[in-house]
Amino acid sequence: TVGIARSAADRDRRIRLLVNESNVGMVGNWNRCLVESRGEFIKYLFSDDLLASPDTLRRMVDVLEHDASIALVASARTIIDEQSVVRGSRSFDRSDRVFPGGAVIKRCFEEQRNLVGEPSVVLFRKEAAKRGFDPRYRQLVDLEMWFHLLEQGAFTFLAEPLCSFRVHENQETERNNRRLNHIHDFLLLYEEYLSRTAPAGLSALHRRYLIDAQLHQLWKRSRRDPVLRDEARLTISRYYPPWEFLLHRALYKLINPLYKIKRLVSRNLWRRAEYVS
């Protein structure tokens, strides 16, 4: 990879090749790129991923250049495998739309996943992201940054798949999921953002449900994996004494089917809503 990049840099003075002297980790590498960048806008493109259209950069840059209230732009993306065969697609919405940042944060919380997309499918201003990616996160480090940006402005979604995201067993995302890092990161996200005004409209009961849902997942996975058991108990003890967790788990199992219905209703209402930035 370094050889190919060096060859490209030798042919084009706009390309700079930077090689870390030691492994600084995923977040450290993202932050170094952010610091070293010289442009107004930031567009990551990871080695596994692709730009799916020759117009990707132009269309995304146009959004930010023409509207200062937009803090983040993303597109739909195709999902490709190791042989670059398209296996599906992911999309935030069905058409090009502008959403208030707080509404996007709320929806990601309700769905309990990153609906915006991976770093290779977004574009944002360097100035808005100058504090860097938060190294406390291991899996949802990108989503936490999207929340940070969405607290500063609106979100534009482009429905055409302008990028391709590759999925395979050896990527960092899959390893993090096996280590349950996404659960720990969601709990940290809840602590950081659920107390703020951005996700307004989430009741206290709803917020408690979101935390209990992650703890329930952690408890189920730890029962099947003795290696995770002690870590799971330690994490759960931060929120509940053992007897109280058992009570909340029983309540969660009763409430969860109702919440799934509520989520379907909210999803349909979202699609019909007319949002303005």
Protein backbone atom coordinates (compact mmCIF):
# COMPACT_ATOMS: atom_id res chain seq x y z
CA THR A 1 0.00 0.00 0.00
CA VAL A 2 2.78 2.42 0.92
CA GLY A 3 4.56 1.69 -2.36
CA ILE A 4 1.45 2.41 -4.42
CA ALA A 5 0.75 5.61 -2.49
CA ARG A 6 4.35 6.77 -2.86
CA SER A 7 4.22 6.17 -6.61
CA ALA A 8 1.04 8.26 -6.84
CA ALA A 9 2.57 11.04 -4.73
CA ASP A 10 5.62 11.11 -7.02
CA ARG A 11 3.33 11.72 -10.00
CA ASP A 12 1.01 14.29 -8.38
CA ARG A 13 2.25 17.01 -6.02
CA ARG A 14 -1.20 17.38 -4.46
CA ILE A 15 -0.84 13.94 -2.86
CA ARG A 16 1.05 13.69 0.41
CA LEU A 17 2.11 10.36 1.85
CA LEU A 18 2.42 10.18 5.65
CA VAL A 19 3.62 6.99 7.36
CA ASN A 20 3.33 6.63 11.13
CA GLU A 21 6.53 5.57 12.88
CA SER A 22 4.47 3.25 15.08
CA ASN A 23 0.92 1.90 15.15
CA VAL A 24 -1.16 4.76 16.58
CA GLY A 25 -4.44 2.86 16.36
CA MET A 26 -7.58 3.59 14.37
CA VAL A 27 -8.65 6.76 16.20
CA GLY A 28 -5.11 8.09 16.37
CA ASN A 29 -4.77 7.63 12.63
CA TRP A 30 -8.09 9.37 11.90
CA ASN A 31 -7.08 12.29 14.08
CA ARG A 32 -3.67 12.62 12.48
CA CYS A 33 -5.32 12.83 9.07
CA LEU A 34 -7.63 15.51 10.44
CA VAL A 35 -4.72 17.56 11.78
CA GLU A 36 -2.56 17.15 8.68
CA SER A 37 -5.33 18.03 6.22
CA ARG A 38 -5.05 21.44 4.54
CA GLY A 39 -8.48 21.80 2.95
CA GLU A 40 -11.73 23.26 4.16
CA PHE A 41 -13.60 19.96 3.90
CA ILE A 42 -12.82 16.46 5.18
CA LYS A 43 -13.56 13.33 3.13
CA TYR A 44 -12.18 10.06 4.43
CA LEU A 45 -11.89 7.09 2.09
CA PHE A 46 -10.72 3.94 3.83
CA SER A 47 -8.77 1.25 2.00
CA ASP A 48 -11.70 -1.19 1.97
CA ASP A 49 -14.19 1.31 0.54
CA LEU A 50 -14.86 2.98 -2.80
CA LEU A 51 -16.37 6.11 -4.29
CA ALA A 52 -19.25 4.74 -6.35
CA SER A 53 -19.65 7.77 -8.63
CA PRO A 54 -17.28 10.21 -10.37
CA ASP A 55 -19.58 12.97 -9.02
CA THR A 56 -19.33 11.98 -5.34
CA LEU A 57 -16.99 14.76 -4.22
CA ARG A 58 -18.61 17.47 -6.36
CA ARG A 59 -22.13 16.73 -5.14
CA MET A 60 -21.15 16.57 -1.47
CA VAL A 61 -18.98 19.70 -1.59
CA ASP A 62 -21.76 21.60 -3.38
CA VAL A 63 -24.07 20.98 -0.42
CA LEU A 64 -21.68 22.51 2.13
CA GLU A 65 -20.56 25.37 -0.11
CA HIS A 66 -24.13 26.54 -0.73
CA ASP A 67 -25.55 26.25 2.79
CA ALA A 68 -23.60 27.23 5.89
CA SER A 69 -26.30 25.73 8.15
CA ILE A 70 -25.45 22.19 6.99
CA ALA A 71 -22.92 20.52 9.29
CA LEU A 72 -22.82 17.05 7.75
CA VAL A 73 -23.65 15.51 4.38
CA ALA A 74 -23.89 11.79 3.61
CA SER A 75 -25.20 9.58 0.84
CA ALA A 76 -26.73 6.17 0.52
CA ARG A 77 -24.12 3.44 0.07
CA THR A 78 -23.91 0.06 -1.57
CA ILE A 79 -22.58 -2.86 0.47
CA ILE A 80 -19.86 -4.83 -1.29
CA ASP A 81 -18.03 -8.04 -0.38
CA GLU A 82 -14.36 -8.97 -0.64
CA GLN A 83 -14.70 -9.38 -4.42
CA SER A 84 -16.46 -5.99 -4.77
CA VAL A 85 -19.76 -7.70 -5.59
CA VAL A 86 -22.73 -5.58 -4.46
CA ARG A 87 -24.60 -7.42 -1.71
CA GLY A 88 -27.13 -4.75 -0.76
CA SER A 89 -27.49 -1.12 0.15
CA ARG A 90 -28.10 1.13 3.15
CA SER A 91 -29.96 4.41 3.09
CA PHE A 92 -31.00 6.97 5.68
CA ASP A 93 -34.08 7.98 3.68
CA ARG A 94 -35.77 7.44 0.33
CA SER A 95 -35.01 10.83 -1.22
CA ASP A 96 -32.66 13.82 -0.96
CA ARG A 97 -33.66 15.70 2.19
CA VAL A 98 -32.42 18.08 4.87
CA PHE A 99 -32.97 17.15 8.52
CA PRO A 100 -32.39 19.09 11.75
CA GLY A 101 -29.34 17.72 13.54
CA GLY A 102 -31.25 17.00 16.75
CA ALA A 103 -33.85 14.94 14.88
CA VAL A 104 -31.11 12.75 13.39
CA ILE A 105 -29.53 12.19 16.80
CA LYS A 106 -32.90 11.21 18.23
CA ARG A 107 -33.59 8.78 15.40
CA CYS A 108 -30.19 7.08 15.80
CA PHE A 109 -30.93 6.65 19.50
CA GLU A 110 -34.39 5.22 18.77
CA GLU A 111 -33.01 2.76 16.22
CA GLN A 112 -29.92 2.06 18.38
CA ARG A 113 -27.53 2.13 15.44
CA ASN A 114 -25.50 4.38 13.18
CA LEU A 115 -28.00 5.45 10.51
CA VAL A 116 -25.82 8.23 9.10
CA GLY A 117 -23.09 5.98 7.75
CA GLU A 118 -19.41 5.18 7.97
CA PRO A 119 -16.58 7.75 7.58
CA SER A 120 -16.17 6.89 3.90
CA VAL A 121 -19.74 8.03 3.11
CA VAL A 122 -19.79 11.48 4.73
CA LEU A 123 -18.30 14.94 4.19
CA PHE A 124 -17.93 17.72 6.79
CA ARG A 125 -16.00 20.92 7.49
CA LYS A 126 -12.63 20.63 9.17
CA GLU A 127 -13.34 23.62 11.41
CA ALA A 128 -16.45 21.97 12.88
CA ALA A 129 -14.52 18.79 13.72
CA LYS A 130 -11.30 20.36 14.98
CA ARG A 131 -11.65 18.84 18.48
CA GLY A 132 -10.99 15.44 16.84
CA PHE A 133 -12.50 11.98 17.23
CA ASP A 134 -12.96 10.86 20.84
CA PRO A 135 -10.42 8.10 21.69
CA ARG A 136 -12.65 6.74 24.47
CA TYR A 137 -14.80 5.08 21.79
CA ARG A 138 -13.78 1.87 20.05
CA GLN A 139 -16.65 1.04 17.69
CA LEU A 140 -18.99 4.05 17.55
CA VAL A 141 -16.23 6.65 17.33
CA ASP A 142 -17.64 7.85 14.00
CA LEU A 143 -21.23 8.10 15.27
CA GLU A 144 -20.07 10.14 18.27
CA MET A 145 -18.38 12.58 15.88
CA TRP A 146 -21.56 12.77 13.77
CA PHE A 147 -23.48 13.69 16.93
CA HIS A 148 -20.88 16.34 17.72
CA LEU A 149 -21.33 17.83 14.24
CA LEU A 150 -25.12 17.52 14.28
CA GLU A 151 -25.27 19.57 17.47
CA GLN A 152 -23.76 22.37 15.34
CA GLY A 153 -26.08 22.19 12.33
CA ALA A 154 -28.33 20.25 9.99
CA PHE A 155 -27.85 17.03 8.03
CA THR A 156 -28.22 16.66 4.26
CA PHE A 157 -28.85 13.20 2.87
CA LEU A 158 -28.30 12.29 -0.79
CA ALA A 159 -30.35 9.25 -1.78
CA GLU A 160 -28.13 8.13 -4.68
CA PRO A 161 -25.47 5.60 -3.56
CA LEU A 162 -22.32 7.68 -4.05
CA CYS A 163 -20.05 5.42 -1.99
CA SER A 164 -19.49 1.71 -1.43
CA PHE A 165 -18.82 0.20 1.99
CA ARG A 166 -17.04 -3.15 2.10
CA VAL A 167 -18.03 -5.82 4.63
CA HIS A 168 -15.83 -8.81 5.49
CA GLU A 169 -15.03 -10.93 8.55
CA ASN A 170 -11.58 -9.49 9.22
CA GLN A 171 -12.48 -5.81 9.32
CA GLU A 172 -12.23 -3.82 12.53
CA THR A 173 -16.04 -3.47 12.78
CA GLU A 174 -16.55 -7.23 12.92
CA ARG A 175 -13.81 -7.71 15.52
CA ASN A 176 -15.31 -4.94 17.66
CA ASN A 177 -18.76 -6.52 17.48
CA ARG A 178 -17.38 -9.85 18.66
CA ARG A 179 -15.78 -8.05 21.64
CA LEU A 180 -19.08 -6.22 22.37
CA ASN A 181 -17.38 -2.85 21.99
CA HIS A 182 -20.52 -1.46 20.33
CA ILE A 183 -22.51 -2.08 23.54
CA HIS A 184 -19.98 -0.29 25.73
CA ASP A 185 -19.86 2.58 23.23
CA PHE A 186 -23.65 2.93 23.14
CA LEU A 187 -23.73 3.16 26.92
CA LEU A 188 -21.07 5.88 26.79
CA LEU A 189 -23.02 7.71 24.07
CA TYR A 190 -26.14 7.62 26.22
CA GLU A 191 -24.27 9.09 29.16
CA GLU A 192 -22.81 11.84 26.98
CA TYR A 193 -25.81 12.86 24.88
CA LEU A 194 -29.09 11.73 26.44
CA SER A 195 -28.89 14.45 29.07
CA ARG A 196 -28.56 17.19 26.44
CA THR A 197 -31.27 19.10 24.60
CA ALA A 198 -30.45 17.71 21.14
CA PRO A 199 -32.43 14.45 21.44
CA ALA A 200 -35.46 16.27 22.87
CA GLY A 201 -38.65 14.24 22.81
CA LEU A 202 -37.19 11.14 24.43
CA SER A 203 -38.98 10.65 27.74
CA ALA A 204 -37.18 9.58 30.90
CA LEU A 205 -38.75 6.12 30.56
CA HIS A 206 -37.63 5.91 26.93
CA ARG A 207 -34.08 6.87 27.86
CA ARG A 208 -34.02 4.26 30.61
CA TYR A 209 -35.28 1.66 28.14
CA LEU A 210 -32.39 2.43 25.77
CA ILE A 211 -29.84 1.80 28.53
CA ASP A 212 -31.62 -1.36 29.68
CA ALA A 213 -31.67 -2.68 26.10
CA GLN A 214 -27.87 -2.50 25.90
CA LEU A 215 -27.42 -4.06 29.35
CA HIS A 216 -29.80 -6.87 28.38
CA GLN A 217 -27.73 -7.60 25.25
CA LEU A 218 -24.56 -7.59 27.31
CA TRP A 219 -26.07 -9.99 29.86
CA LYS A 220 -27.28 -12.41 27.14
CA ARG A 221 -23.92 -12.49 25.37
CA SER A 222 -21.98 -12.95 28.61
CA ARG A 223 -24.06 -16.01 29.51
CA ARG A 224 -22.85 -17.69 26.32
CA ASP A 225 -19.25 -16.52 26.72
CA PRO A 226 -17.60 -17.04 30.14
CA VAL A 227 -14.70 -14.78 29.11
CA LEU A 228 -17.09 -11.81 28.99
CA ARG A 229 -18.92 -12.65 32.21
CA ASP A 230 -16.84 -10.67 34.68
CA GLU A 231 -16.68 -7.66 32.38
CA ALA A 232 -20.45 -7.76 31.90
CA ARG A 233 -21.10 -7.93 35.64
CA LEU A 234 -18.80 -4.99 36.24
CA THR A 235 -20.53 -2.90 33.56
CA ILE A 236 -24.04 -3.76 34.79
CA SER A 237 -23.06 -2.95 38.39
CA ARG A 238 -22.42 0.65 37.30
CA TYR A 239 -26.16 0.99 36.70
CA TYR A 240 -27.90 -1.48 39.02
CA PRO A 241 -27.31 -3.70 42.05
CA PRO A 242 -27.73 -7.39 41.05
CA TRP A 243 -31.28 -7.75 42.45
CA GLU A 244 -32.42 -4.51 40.82
CA PHE A 245 -31.02 -5.54 37.45
CA LEU A 246 -33.04 -8.76 37.57
CA LEU A 247 -36.16 -6.68 38.18
CA HIS A 248 -35.35 -4.29 35.33
CA ARG A 249 -34.60 -7.25 33.04
CA ALA A 250 -38.07 -8.67 33.71
CA LEU A 251 -39.64 -5.26 33.01
CA TYR A 252 -37.55 -4.92 29.86
CA LYS A 253 -38.85 -8.23 28.51
CA LEU A 254 -42.40 -6.98 29.05
CA ILE A 255 -41.83 -3.55 27.52
CA ASN A 256 -39.64 -4.59 24.57
CA PRO A 257 -42.48 -5.87 22.29
CA LEU A 258 -44.36 -2.60 22.85
CA TYR A 259 -41.23 -0.61 22.07
CA LYS A 260 -40.77 -2.50 18.78
CA ILE A 261 -44.28 -1.46 17.75
CA LYS A 262 -43.56 2.13 18.76
CA ARG A 263 -40.36 2.07 16.71
CA LEU A 264 -42.24 0.94 13.61
CA VAL A 265 -44.79 3.72 14.08
CA SER A 266 -42.04 6.30 14.59
CA ARG A 267 -40.25 5.09 11.47
CA ASN A 268 -43.39 5.57 9.35
CA LEU A 269 -44.04 9.02 10.84
CA TRP A 270 -40.43 9.98 10.10
CA ARG A 271 -40.82 9.09 6.44
CA ARG A 272 -43.92 11.27 6.14
CA ALA A 273 -42.58 14.26 8.06
CA GLU A 274 -41.48 17.43 6.31
CA TYR A 275 -38.24 18.58 7.90
CA VAL A 276 -36.56 21.93 7.48
CA SER A 277 -33.12 22.91 8.65
